[in-house]
Amino acid sequence: MSKLLLKNVDYLVTFNDKDEILRNYDILVEGNKITKIGKDIQTDETGDTEIIDATGKVVLPGFVNTHHHLYQTMFRGIDEVQEMPLFPWLEGLYEFWKYLNEETVYYGSMVGFSELLKTGCTTTMDHHYVFPNTSKSTLIDEQFRASEEIGIRFHATRGSMSRGKEQGGLPPDSVVQSEEEILLDSERLIDKFHDSEDYAMKRVALAPCSPFSVTKSLMKSSAELARKKGVMLHTHLAETMDEEEFCISVYGMRPVELMEDTGWIGPDVWFAHGIYFNDDELKRLKGSGIAHCPSSNMKLNSGICRTTELVRAGVNIGIAVDGSASNDGSNMWEEVRRAYLLNHLKYGVNGLNAYEILKMATKGGARVLGRNDIGTLEVDKAADIVVYDLSDIAYAGCHNPLTSLVCCGNSSLVDMTIVNGKVVVKNGIVLTINTQETAIKAHSHASKLVERRREEILSNKN
């Protein structure tokens, strides 16, 4: 069994129930979990323990990313869809996304996973909902292949779109599927990949895309299948006023009412964005989860999430990078900073402090994903650990290391990322794959996809 010993951690931020911050402590990792936290831990003399000097370092649990669209890393910075609100932005991008395939999903995942690991994220989910009728049904299989190769803890959500333009939805019919096809593949993925045990590296959830791209029938059927199989549920909700108007027009109810009507409220459900809730809905969402996506909400001018009020209402809330096409990065550290700034923009002196925002990104994210084996640094919890070096000049003069992490840094790269007891990033470099080679292959593939759409546009004009 491999062992790691982090010696003399300057600031060890546990996020345990006591909210302990320990000074000059050691952490012993055996296999994939933390087995001891204490002063001056001694190791045996077998020579199989790797000792990491953490003098002067800050150590936190790894960040937990609660919402992403990894394939979108292949569609960043496309001129045709810049400076647009959500609905026209989506309509423009669907025409590019209809060409994605297994290679797109694999490289998109590798790019996104690399960015996440380098910026302190040890567990991520992904919401993949685009299945072009020209692609194979094994797109999410490629995500799991990528996650295993790079070494990140991964929750895949089997997304879906069943309401195309012909049925009054937003997406083109070329990227929607039948309810039967969606449910069959959902069950296949759960049976093949979902691991409900502690320390699981692979989990599956079901995730119809949004109220404006799926039928009410699919929402209900997905909830029934998820609860039969013991997996969680995820979707976009209350992201924009356009969505609210759609729900009222089509269903005669607000988005949260629609979720209640379809059985989508409870501790096994989490929503992306959650901006346009009224006061009564905040109370009704207690126990459910919200993935707060600061950069995406800013870029698309969607609005500001009611983060402080969600916390006080007992709603589980985590932080997320969202899809790279609306961000345009997978930088978890930057999302933490922006979550803090947006919170203070909205709430001023009543906003959440740096510690509370970091707790939201770690323990909060774990709760959103329904896990109690990650998100804190405690004995018998998973060894998902991130080491930060605050010796850079960017932090000089700051007297609180947690405020430094959230407010001062001009670099997002962590000193070290440990996932499931294995060092996967060191000195800002991913150790498990060749990121330079991956970047070249990914960009080449992405360029071909975008060029294909642009050639189609020119052909239609002629």
Protein backbone atom coordinates (compact mmCIF):
# COMPACT_ATOMS: atom_id res chain seq x y z
CA MET A 1 0.00 0.00 0.00
CA SER A 2 1.42 3.37 -1.05
CA LYS A 3 1.87 6.02 1.65
CA LEU A 4 2.22 9.79 1.60
CA LEU A 5 3.20 11.94 4.55
CA LEU A 6 2.70 15.69 4.36
CA LYS A 7 5.00 17.08 7.04
CA ASN A 8 4.68 20.33 8.97
CA VAL A 9 1.69 21.83 7.14
CA ASP A 10 1.66 25.52 8.00
CA TYR A 11 -2.14 25.93 7.64
CA LEU A 12 -4.24 22.76 7.46
CA VAL A 13 -7.82 23.78 6.70
CA THR A 14 -10.05 20.82 7.57
CA PHE A 15 -13.61 22.13 7.00
CA ASN A 16 -14.65 19.54 9.58
CA ASP A 17 -17.66 20.02 11.85
CA LYS A 18 -15.50 22.02 14.26
CA ASP A 19 -14.17 24.21 11.44
CA GLU A 20 -10.63 23.54 12.65
CA ILE A 21 -7.62 25.23 11.10
CA LEU A 22 -4.53 23.41 12.36
CA ARG A 23 -1.04 24.88 12.50
CA ASN A 24 2.11 22.84 11.88
CA TYR A 25 0.35 19.48 11.59
CA ASP A 26 1.12 16.37 9.53
CA ILE A 27 -1.22 14.31 7.35
CA LEU A 28 -0.63 10.61 6.73
CA VAL A 29 -2.21 9.02 3.66
CA GLU A 30 -2.31 5.27 3.24
CA GLY A 31 -3.70 4.00 -0.03
CA ASN A 32 -6.62 6.22 -1.01
CA LYS A 33 -7.59 7.68 2.36
CA ILE A 34 -6.33 9.83 5.22
CA THR A 35 -5.36 7.63 8.18
CA LYS A 36 -3.85 10.11 10.62
CA ILE A 37 -3.66 13.86 11.28
CA GLY A 38 -1.40 14.97 14.08
CA LYS A 39 1.84 16.51 15.27
CA ASP A 40 5.17 14.96 14.29
CA ILE A 41 3.80 11.73 12.80
CA GLN A 42 6.49 9.08 12.55
CA THR A 43 6.67 6.55 9.73
CA ASP A 44 8.11 3.05 9.72
CA GLU A 45 11.53 2.43 8.24
CA THR A 46 10.42 0.33 5.27
CA GLY A 47 11.14 3.17 2.88
CA ASP A 48 7.75 3.01 1.15
CA THR A 49 6.46 6.35 2.46
CA GLU A 50 6.85 9.41 0.25
CA ILE A 51 7.47 12.44 2.45
CA ILE A 52 6.27 15.84 1.23
CA ASP A 53 7.64 18.90 2.99
CA ALA A 54 4.66 21.23 3.50
CA THR A 55 6.52 23.85 5.53
CA GLY A 56 5.03 27.25 4.76
CA LYS A 57 2.22 25.70 2.70
CA VAL A 58 -1.56 25.90 2.97
CA VAL A 59 -3.41 22.60 2.55
CA LEU A 60 -7.12 22.28 1.74
CA PRO A 61 -9.45 19.55 0.57
CA GLY A 62 -9.72 19.48 -3.20
CA PHE A 63 -12.34 21.66 -4.85
CA VAL A 64 -15.51 19.91 -6.05
CA ASN A 65 -16.83 21.19 -9.38
CA THR A 66 -20.61 20.75 -9.45
CA HIS A 67 -21.48 21.69 -13.06
CA HIS A 68 -19.61 21.48 -16.35
CA HIS A 69 -19.96 20.71 -20.06
CA LEU A 70 -16.55 19.31 -20.93
CA TYR A 71 -17.17 18.97 -24.67
CA GLN A 72 -17.47 22.75 -24.82
CA THR A 73 -13.72 23.15 -24.36
CA MET A 74 -13.63 22.40 -28.10
CA PHE A 75 -15.90 25.39 -28.85
CA ARG A 76 -14.34 28.31 -26.98
CA GLY A 77 -14.13 31.84 -28.32
CA ILE A 78 -16.24 31.29 -31.45
CA ASP A 79 -16.87 34.73 -32.99
CA GLU A 80 -20.37 33.89 -34.20
CA VAL A 81 -21.77 33.49 -30.66
CA GLN A 82 -20.02 36.18 -28.64
CA GLU A 83 -21.99 38.97 -26.91
CA MET A 84 -25.27 37.06 -26.81
CA PRO A 85 -27.76 36.15 -24.06
CA LEU A 86 -28.50 32.50 -23.32
CA PHE A 87 -31.20 31.51 -25.84
CA PRO A 88 -29.67 32.95 -29.05
CA TRP A 89 -26.23 31.87 -27.77
CA LEU A 90 -27.47 28.29 -27.50
CA GLU A 91 -29.21 28.35 -30.86
CA GLY A 92 -26.00 29.47 -32.53
CA LEU A 93 -23.86 26.88 -30.77
CA TYR A 94 -26.19 23.95 -31.45
CA GLU A 95 -25.25 24.34 -35.10
CA PHE A 96 -21.59 23.79 -34.21
CA TRP A 97 -22.24 21.09 -31.62
CA LYS A 98 -24.18 18.91 -34.06
CA TYR A 99 -20.83 17.78 -35.49
CA LEU A 100 -19.25 16.55 -32.26
CA ASN A 101 -18.27 12.88 -31.97
CA GLU A 102 -16.38 10.50 -29.65
CA GLU A 103 -13.05 12.16 -30.39
CA THR A 104 -14.51 15.57 -29.52
CA VAL A 105 -15.79 14.30 -26.19
CA TYR A 106 -12.54 12.51 -25.32
CA TYR A 107 -10.28 15.50 -26.03
CA GLY A 108 -12.75 17.97 -24.57
CA SER A 109 -12.69 15.94 -21.37
CA MET A 110 -8.91 15.73 -21.28
CA VAL A 111 -8.55 19.49 -21.74
CA GLY A 112 -11.15 20.28 -19.08
CA PHE A 113 -9.82 17.71 -16.60
CA SER A 114 -6.30 19.10 -17.00
CA GLU A 115 -7.40 22.66 -16.30
CA LEU A 116 -9.42 21.55 -13.29
CA LEU A 117 -6.64 19.50 -11.72
CA LYS A 118 -4.13 22.32 -12.19
CA THR A 119 -6.46 24.75 -10.41
CA GLY A 120 -7.23 22.69 -7.34
CA CYS A 121 -10.23 20.57 -8.38
CA THR A 122 -10.10 16.88 -7.43
CA THR A 123 -13.72 15.88 -8.11
CA THR A 124 -15.80 17.05 -11.04
CA MET A 125 -19.09 16.23 -12.62
CA ASP A 126 -20.04 16.70 -16.24
CA HIS A 127 -23.39 17.34 -17.86
CA HIS A 128 -23.23 15.93 -21.37
CA TYR A 129 -26.55 16.31 -23.16
CA VAL A 130 -25.67 16.65 -26.88
CA PHE A 131 -26.00 13.39 -28.80
CA PRO A 132 -26.04 14.21 -32.54
CA ASN A 133 -27.87 11.68 -34.68
CA THR A 134 -24.60 11.17 -36.59
CA SER A 135 -22.63 10.12 -33.48
CA LYS A 136 -22.38 6.85 -31.60
CA SER A 137 -24.09 6.28 -28.28
CA THR A 138 -20.84 5.83 -26.37
CA LEU A 139 -19.88 9.48 -25.89
CA ILE A 140 -20.00 9.30 -22.10
CA ASP A 141 -17.93 6.11 -22.18
CA GLU A 142 -15.17 8.30 -23.64
CA GLN A 143 -15.44 10.66 -20.68
CA PHE A 144 -14.89 7.81 -18.26
CA ARG A 145 -11.91 6.63 -20.31
CA ALA A 146 -10.39 10.10 -20.07
CA SER A 147 -11.09 10.44 -16.33
CA GLU A 148 -9.39 7.12 -15.61
CA GLU A 149 -6.34 7.99 -17.69
CA ILE A 150 -5.79 11.38 -16.06
CA GLY A 151 -6.80 10.34 -12.52
CA ILE A 152 -9.66 12.64 -11.52
CA ARG A 153 -12.69 11.66 -9.45
CA PHE A 154 -15.61 11.88 -11.87
CA HIS A 155 -19.41 12.02 -11.77
CA ALA A 156 -20.86 11.77 -15.28
CA THR A 157 -24.45 12.84 -15.74
CA ARG A 158 -26.27 11.32 -18.68
CA GLY A 159 -27.84 14.42 -20.15
CA SER A 160 -30.58 14.43 -22.74
CA MET A 161 -32.70 16.56 -25.03
CA SER A 162 -36.05 15.23 -26.25
CA ARG A 163 -37.88 18.43 -27.23
CA GLY A 164 -36.60 19.77 -30.55
CA LYS A 165 -37.83 22.71 -32.58
CA GLU A 166 -40.67 20.67 -34.10
CA GLN A 167 -42.04 20.16 -30.57
CA GLY A 168 -41.62 23.78 -29.54
CA GLY A 169 -38.20 23.38 -27.93
CA LEU A 170 -34.97 25.28 -28.51
CA PRO A 171 -32.49 22.71 -29.98
CA PRO A 172 -32.54 21.53 -33.60
CA ASP A 173 -33.97 18.06 -34.13
CA SER A 174 -30.54 16.81 -35.26
CA VAL A 175 -29.36 16.74 -31.61
CA VAL A 176 -32.44 15.37 -29.82
CA GLN A 177 -33.28 11.75 -29.02
CA SER A 178 -36.40 9.77 -28.28
CA GLU A 179 -37.35 9.13 -24.66
CA GLU A 180 -36.90 5.38 -25.13
CA GLU A 181 -33.40 5.81 -26.54
CA ILE A 182 -32.42 8.13 -23.67
CA LEU A 183 -33.69 5.86 -20.91
CA LEU A 184 -32.10 2.73 -22.38
CA ASP A 185 -28.68 4.38 -22.58
CA SER A 186 -29.11 5.90 -19.12
CA GLU A 187 -29.67 2.47 -17.61
CA ARG A 188 -26.74 1.04 -19.57
CA LEU A 189 -24.37 3.69 -18.22
CA ILE A 190 -25.54 3.25 -14.63
CA ASP A 191 -25.07 -0.52 -14.83
CA LYS A 192 -21.64 -0.18 -16.46
CA PHE A 193 -20.04 2.65 -14.50
CA HIS A 194 -21.87 3.71 -11.33
CA ASP A 195 -20.07 2.89 -8.09
CA SER A 196 -22.03 3.70 -4.94
CA GLU A 197 -19.24 2.71 -2.52
CA ASP A 198 -17.15 5.17 -0.49
CA TYR A 199 -14.07 6.52 -2.32
CA ALA A 200 -15.72 5.78 -5.68
CA MET A 201 -13.89 7.31 -8.63
CA LYS A 202 -16.83 6.87 -11.02
CA ARG A 203 -20.47 7.73 -10.51
CA VAL A 204 -23.44 8.36 -12.80
CA ALA A 205 -26.47 10.66 -12.47
CA LEU A 206 -29.34 11.40 -14.84
CA ALA A 207 -29.65 14.90 -16.24
CA PRO A 208 -32.34 15.98 -18.72
CA CYS A 209 -30.93 19.22 -20.04
CA SER A 210 -33.44 21.94 -19.19
CA PRO A 211 -37.17 22.74 -19.09
CA PHE A 212 -36.99 24.17 -22.63
CA SER A 213 -35.25 21.18 -24.26
CA VAL A 214 -36.96 18.11 -22.76
CA THR A 215 -40.53 16.93 -22.35
CA LYS A 216 -42.32 16.73 -19.03
CA SER A 217 -42.67 13.00 -19.61
CA LEU A 218 -38.89 12.57 -19.79
CA MET A 219 -38.41 14.50 -16.54
CA LYS A 220 -40.78 12.13 -14.76
CA SER A 221 -39.35 8.98 -16.36
CA SER A 222 -35.79 10.03 -15.53
CA ALA A 223 -36.71 10.62 -11.89
CA GLU A 224 -38.36 7.20 -11.69
CA LEU A 225 -35.33 5.45 -13.22
CA ALA A 226 -32.85 7.38 -11.05
CA ARG A 227 -34.64 6.44 -7.84
CA LYS A 228 -35.01 2.84 -8.95
CA LYS A 229 -31.25 2.69 -9.55
CA GLY A 230 -30.22 4.82 -6.57
CA VAL A 231 -28.53 7.63 -8.52
CA MET A 232 -28.92 11.41 -8.40
CA LEU A 233 -30.71 13.87 -10.68
CA HIS A 234 -29.45 17.10 -12.25
CA THR A 235 -30.68 19.80 -14.63
CA HIS A 236 -30.43 23.51 -15.40
CA LEU A 237 -32.98 25.61 -13.56
CA ALA A 238 -33.95 29.26 -13.08
CA GLU A 239 -30.96 30.49 -15.08
CA THR A 240 -32.73 33.26 -17.01
CA MET A 241 -36.06 35.09 -17.23
CA ASP A 242 -36.48 33.57 -20.73
CA GLU A 243 -36.63 30.14 -19.09
CA GLU A 244 -39.20 31.33 -16.58
CA GLU A 245 -41.36 32.80 -19.36
CA PHE A 246 -41.08 29.54 -21.33
CA CYS A 247 -42.24 27.45 -18.35
CA ILE A 248 -45.19 29.73 -17.65
CA SER A 249 -46.18 29.80 -21.33
CA VAL A 250 -45.85 26.04 -21.96
CA TYR A 251 -46.68 24.51 -18.57
CA GLY A 252 -48.55 27.28 -16.76
CA MET A 253 -46.12 27.17 -13.85
CA ARG A 254 -42.80 28.60 -12.73
CA PRO A 255 -39.62 26.46 -13.04
CA VAL A 256 -39.62 25.35 -9.38
CA GLU A 257 -43.31 24.44 -9.58
CA LEU A 258 -42.50 22.33 -12.65
CA MET A 259 -39.78 20.54 -10.71
CA GLU A 260 -42.16 19.81 -7.87
CA ASP A 261 -44.78 18.56 -10.30
CA THR A 262 -42.31 16.11 -11.89
CA GLY A 263 -40.81 14.85 -8.61
CA TRP A 264 -37.59 16.81 -8.91
CA ILE A 265 -37.14 18.18 -5.39
CA GLY A 266 -35.09 16.56 -2.64
CA PRO A 267 -31.59 15.64 -1.43
CA ASP A 268 -30.96 13.51 -4.54
CA VAL A 269 -31.47 16.50 -6.86
CA TRP A 270 -29.23 19.44 -7.73
CA PHE A 271 -29.73 22.30 -10.16
CA ALA A 272 -27.30 24.43 -12.15
CA HIS A 273 -27.48 28.23 -11.69
CA GLY A 274 -30.59 28.80 -9.55
CA ILE A 275 -30.74 32.56 -10.03
CA TYR A 276 -34.45 33.41 -10.32
CA PHE A 277 -36.01 31.93 -7.20
CA ASN A 278 -38.51 33.88 -5.14
CA ASP A 279 -38.43 33.86 -1.33
CA ASP A 280 -40.99 31.09 -1.00
CA GLU A 281 -39.10 28.88 -3.47
CA LEU A 282 -35.90 29.24 -1.47
CA LYS A 283 -37.67 27.59 1.45
CA ARG A 284 -39.12 24.81 -0.72
CA LEU A 285 -35.67 23.96 -2.07
CA LYS A 286 -34.24 23.13 1.36
CA GLY A 287 -32.18 19.95 1.09
CA SER A 288 -31.78 20.13 -2.68
CA GLY A 289 -28.57 21.39 -4.26
CA ILE A 290 -27.46 24.35 -6.37
CA ALA A 291 -24.33 24.61 -8.55
CA HIS A 292 -23.35 28.30 -8.55
CA CYS A 293 -21.63 29.25 -11.85
CA PRO A 294 -20.20 32.77 -11.42
CA SER A 295 -18.27 33.29 -14.67
CA SER A 296 -20.96 31.83 -16.91
CA ASN A 297 -23.66 33.94 -15.28
CA MET A 298 -21.52 37.04 -15.74
CA LYS A 299 -20.60 36.41 -19.38
CA LEU A 300 -24.15 35.61 -20.47
CA ASN A 301 -25.59 38.42 -18.33
CA SER A 302 -27.90 35.90 -16.69
CA GLY A 303 -27.96 37.44 -13.22
CA ILE A 304 -26.48 36.90 -9.75
CA CYS A 305 -27.24 33.80 -7.70
CA ARG A 306 -28.77 34.44 -4.24
CA THR A 307 -25.90 32.60 -2.57
CA THR A 308 -26.11 33.95 0.97
CA GLU A 309 -29.86 33.42 1.10
CA LEU A 310 -29.55 29.89 -0.29
CA VAL A 311 -27.06 29.02 2.45
CA ARG A 312 -29.34 30.45 5.14
CA ALA A 313 -32.34 28.59 3.70
CA GLY A 314 -30.57 25.25 4.12
CA VAL A 315 -30.04 24.62 0.42
CA ASN A 316 -26.85 22.73 -0.41
CA ILE A 317 -24.68 24.95 -2.60
CA GLY A 318 -21.41 24.36 -4.41
CA ILE A 319 -19.34 26.26 -6.97
CA ALA A 320 -18.94 25.32 -10.63
CA VAL A 321 -17.06 26.38 -13.75
CA ASP A 322 -19.96 25.55 -16.16
CA GLY A 323 -19.29 24.85 -19.82
CA SER A 324 -16.19 26.35 -21.31
CA ALA A 325 -18.11 27.98 -24.15
CA SER A 326 -19.70 30.36 -21.64
CA ASN A 327 -16.76 30.84 -19.31
CA ASP A 328 -14.35 30.24 -21.31
CA GLY A 329 -12.13 28.21 -18.98
CA SER A 330 -12.18 25.34 -16.52
CA ASN A 331 -10.38 27.29 -13.81
CA MET A 332 -11.86 26.29 -10.47
CA TRP A 333 -9.72 28.67 -8.46
CA GLU A 334 -10.98 31.61 -10.51
CA GLU A 335 -14.58 30.56 -9.91
CA VAL A 336 -13.96 30.66 -6.17
CA ARG A 337 -12.64 34.21 -6.46
CA ARG A 338 -15.57 35.32 -8.60
CA ALA A 339 -18.09 33.64 -6.31
CA TYR A 340 -16.66 35.74 -3.47
CA LEU A 341 -16.73 38.97 -5.48
CA LEU A 342 -20.27 38.46 -6.83
CA ASN A 343 -21.49 37.63 -3.35
CA HIS A 344 -20.08 40.90 -2.02
CA LEU A 345 -21.41 42.82 -5.00
CA LYS A 346 -24.91 41.59 -4.09
CA TYR A 347 -24.75 41.51 -0.28
CA GLY A 348 -22.03 43.97 0.70
CA VAL A 349 -21.01 43.67 4.34
CA ASN A 350 -23.52 40.83 4.77
CA GLY A 351 -21.68 38.72 2.21
CA LEU A 352 -19.89 35.43 2.84
CA ASN A 353 -16.27 35.63 3.94
CA ALA A 354 -13.30 33.92 2.30
CA TYR A 355 -13.50 30.88 4.58
CA GLU A 356 -17.21 30.39 3.82
CA ILE A 357 -16.64 30.62 0.07
CA LEU A 358 -13.81 28.06 0.22
CA LYS A 359 -16.03 25.80 2.31
CA MET A 360 -18.72 26.12 -0.36
CA ALA A 361 -16.23 25.01 -3.02
CA THR A 362 -15.12 21.95 -1.03
CA LYS A 363 -17.48 20.58 1.60
CA GLY A 364 -20.44 22.33 -0.03
CA GLY A 365 -19.72 20.79 -3.41
CA ALA A 366 -19.39 17.34 -1.87
CA ARG A 367 -22.81 17.69 -0.26
CA VAL A 368 -24.33 18.82 -3.55
CA LEU A 369 -23.04 15.63 -5.19
CA GLY A 370 -24.39 13.54 -2.34
CA ARG A 371 -21.02 12.57 -0.87
CA ASN A 372 -19.67 12.58 2.69
CA ASP A 373 -16.36 10.84 1.93
CA ILE A 374 -14.81 13.88 0.23
CA GLY A 375 -14.77 17.66 0.80
CA THR A 376 -13.05 17.68 4.22
CA LEU A 377 -9.65 16.72 5.62
CA GLU A 378 -10.38 14.15 8.30
CA VAL A 379 -9.31 10.62 9.19
CA ASP A 380 -11.01 8.03 6.95
CA LYS A 381 -11.97 10.60 4.34
CA ALA A 382 -10.69 10.29 0.78
CA ALA A 383 -7.17 11.57 0.25
CA ASP A 384 -8.14 14.42 -2.09
CA ILE A 385 -5.71 17.12 -1.02
CA VAL A 386 -4.48 20.35 -2.58
CA VAL A 387 -1.28 22.14 -1.54
CA TYR A 388 -0.87 25.89 -2.05
CA ASP A 389 2.38 27.84 -1.88
CA LEU A 390 1.86 31.43 -0.76
CA SER A 391 5.51 32.43 -1.03
CA ASP A 392 4.92 34.22 -4.35
CA ILE A 393 5.17 38.02 -4.30
CA ALA A 394 1.47 38.21 -5.19
CA TYR A 395 0.66 37.19 -1.61
CA ALA A 396 3.28 39.30 0.16
CA GLY A 397 1.78 41.59 2.77
CA CYS A 398 -1.45 39.64 3.23
CA HIS A 399 -1.99 38.58 6.83
CA ASN A 400 -4.62 35.86 6.36
CA PRO A 401 -3.76 32.87 4.13
CA LEU A 402 -7.38 32.11 3.23
CA THR A 403 -8.06 35.69 2.25
CA SER A 404 -4.85 35.45 0.23
CA LEU A 405 -6.09 32.42 -1.68
CA VAL A 406 -9.42 34.00 -2.54
CA CYS A 407 -8.44 37.61 -3.11
CA CYS A 408 -4.73 38.09 -3.79
CA GLY A 409 -3.40 35.45 -6.16
CA ASN A 410 -2.48 36.32 -9.73
CA SER A 411 -1.75 32.68 -10.57
CA SER A 412 -4.29 29.87 -10.49
CA LEU A 413 -1.85 26.97 -10.54
CA VAL A 414 -1.62 24.94 -7.37
CA ASP A 415 1.62 23.59 -5.95
CA MET A 416 0.31 20.03 -5.76
CA THR A 417 -2.93 18.13 -6.35
CA ILE A 418 -3.49 14.72 -4.78
CA VAL A 419 -6.49 12.63 -5.86
CA ASN A 420 -7.41 9.34 -4.19
CA GLY A 421 -3.97 9.24 -2.57
CA LYS A 422 -1.99 9.82 -5.78
CA VAL A 423 -0.05 12.94 -6.75
CA VAL A 424 -1.44 13.96 -10.14
CA VAL A 425 -0.19 17.57 -10.33
CA LYS A 426 3.17 18.84 -9.07
CA ASN A 427 4.55 22.36 -9.51
CA GLY A 428 1.65 23.16 -11.81
CA ILE A 429 2.36 20.21 -14.14
CA VAL A 430 -0.05 17.32 -14.74
CA LEU A 431 1.93 14.12 -14.18
CA THR A 432 -0.47 11.58 -15.64
CA ILE A 433 -0.68 12.76 -19.27
CA ASN A 434 1.33 14.84 -21.73
CA THR A 435 -0.72 18.04 -21.70
CA GLN A 436 1.29 19.67 -24.50
CA GLU A 437 0.60 16.79 -26.86
CA THR A 438 -3.04 16.69 -25.77
CA ALA A 439 -3.44 20.42 -26.41
CA ILE A 440 -2.08 20.12 -29.96
CA LYS A 441 -4.36 17.20 -30.85
CA ALA A 442 -7.38 18.80 -29.19
CA HIS A 443 -6.94 22.13 -30.97
CA SER A 444 -6.46 20.44 -34.34
CA HIS A 445 -9.68 18.49 -33.90
CA ALA A 446 -11.61 21.51 -32.65
CA SER A 447 -10.48 23.61 -35.62
CA LYS A 448 -11.84 21.02 -38.05
CA LEU A 449 -15.23 21.00 -36.31
CA VAL A 450 -15.63 24.77 -36.40
CA GLU A 451 -14.40 25.01 -39.98
CA ARG A 452 -16.97 22.41 -41.01
CA ARG A 453 -19.81 24.59 -39.70
CA ARG A 454 -18.39 27.71 -41.34
CA GLU A 455 -18.17 25.94 -44.68
CA GLU A 456 -21.82 24.93 -44.27
CA ILE A 457 -22.77 28.58 -43.63
CA LEU A 458 -20.95 29.69 -46.79
CA SER A 459 -22.56 26.91 -48.81
CA ASN A 460 -26.03 27.93 -47.64
CA LYS A 461 -25.35 31.55 -48.59
CA ASN A 462 -24.31 30.52 -52.09
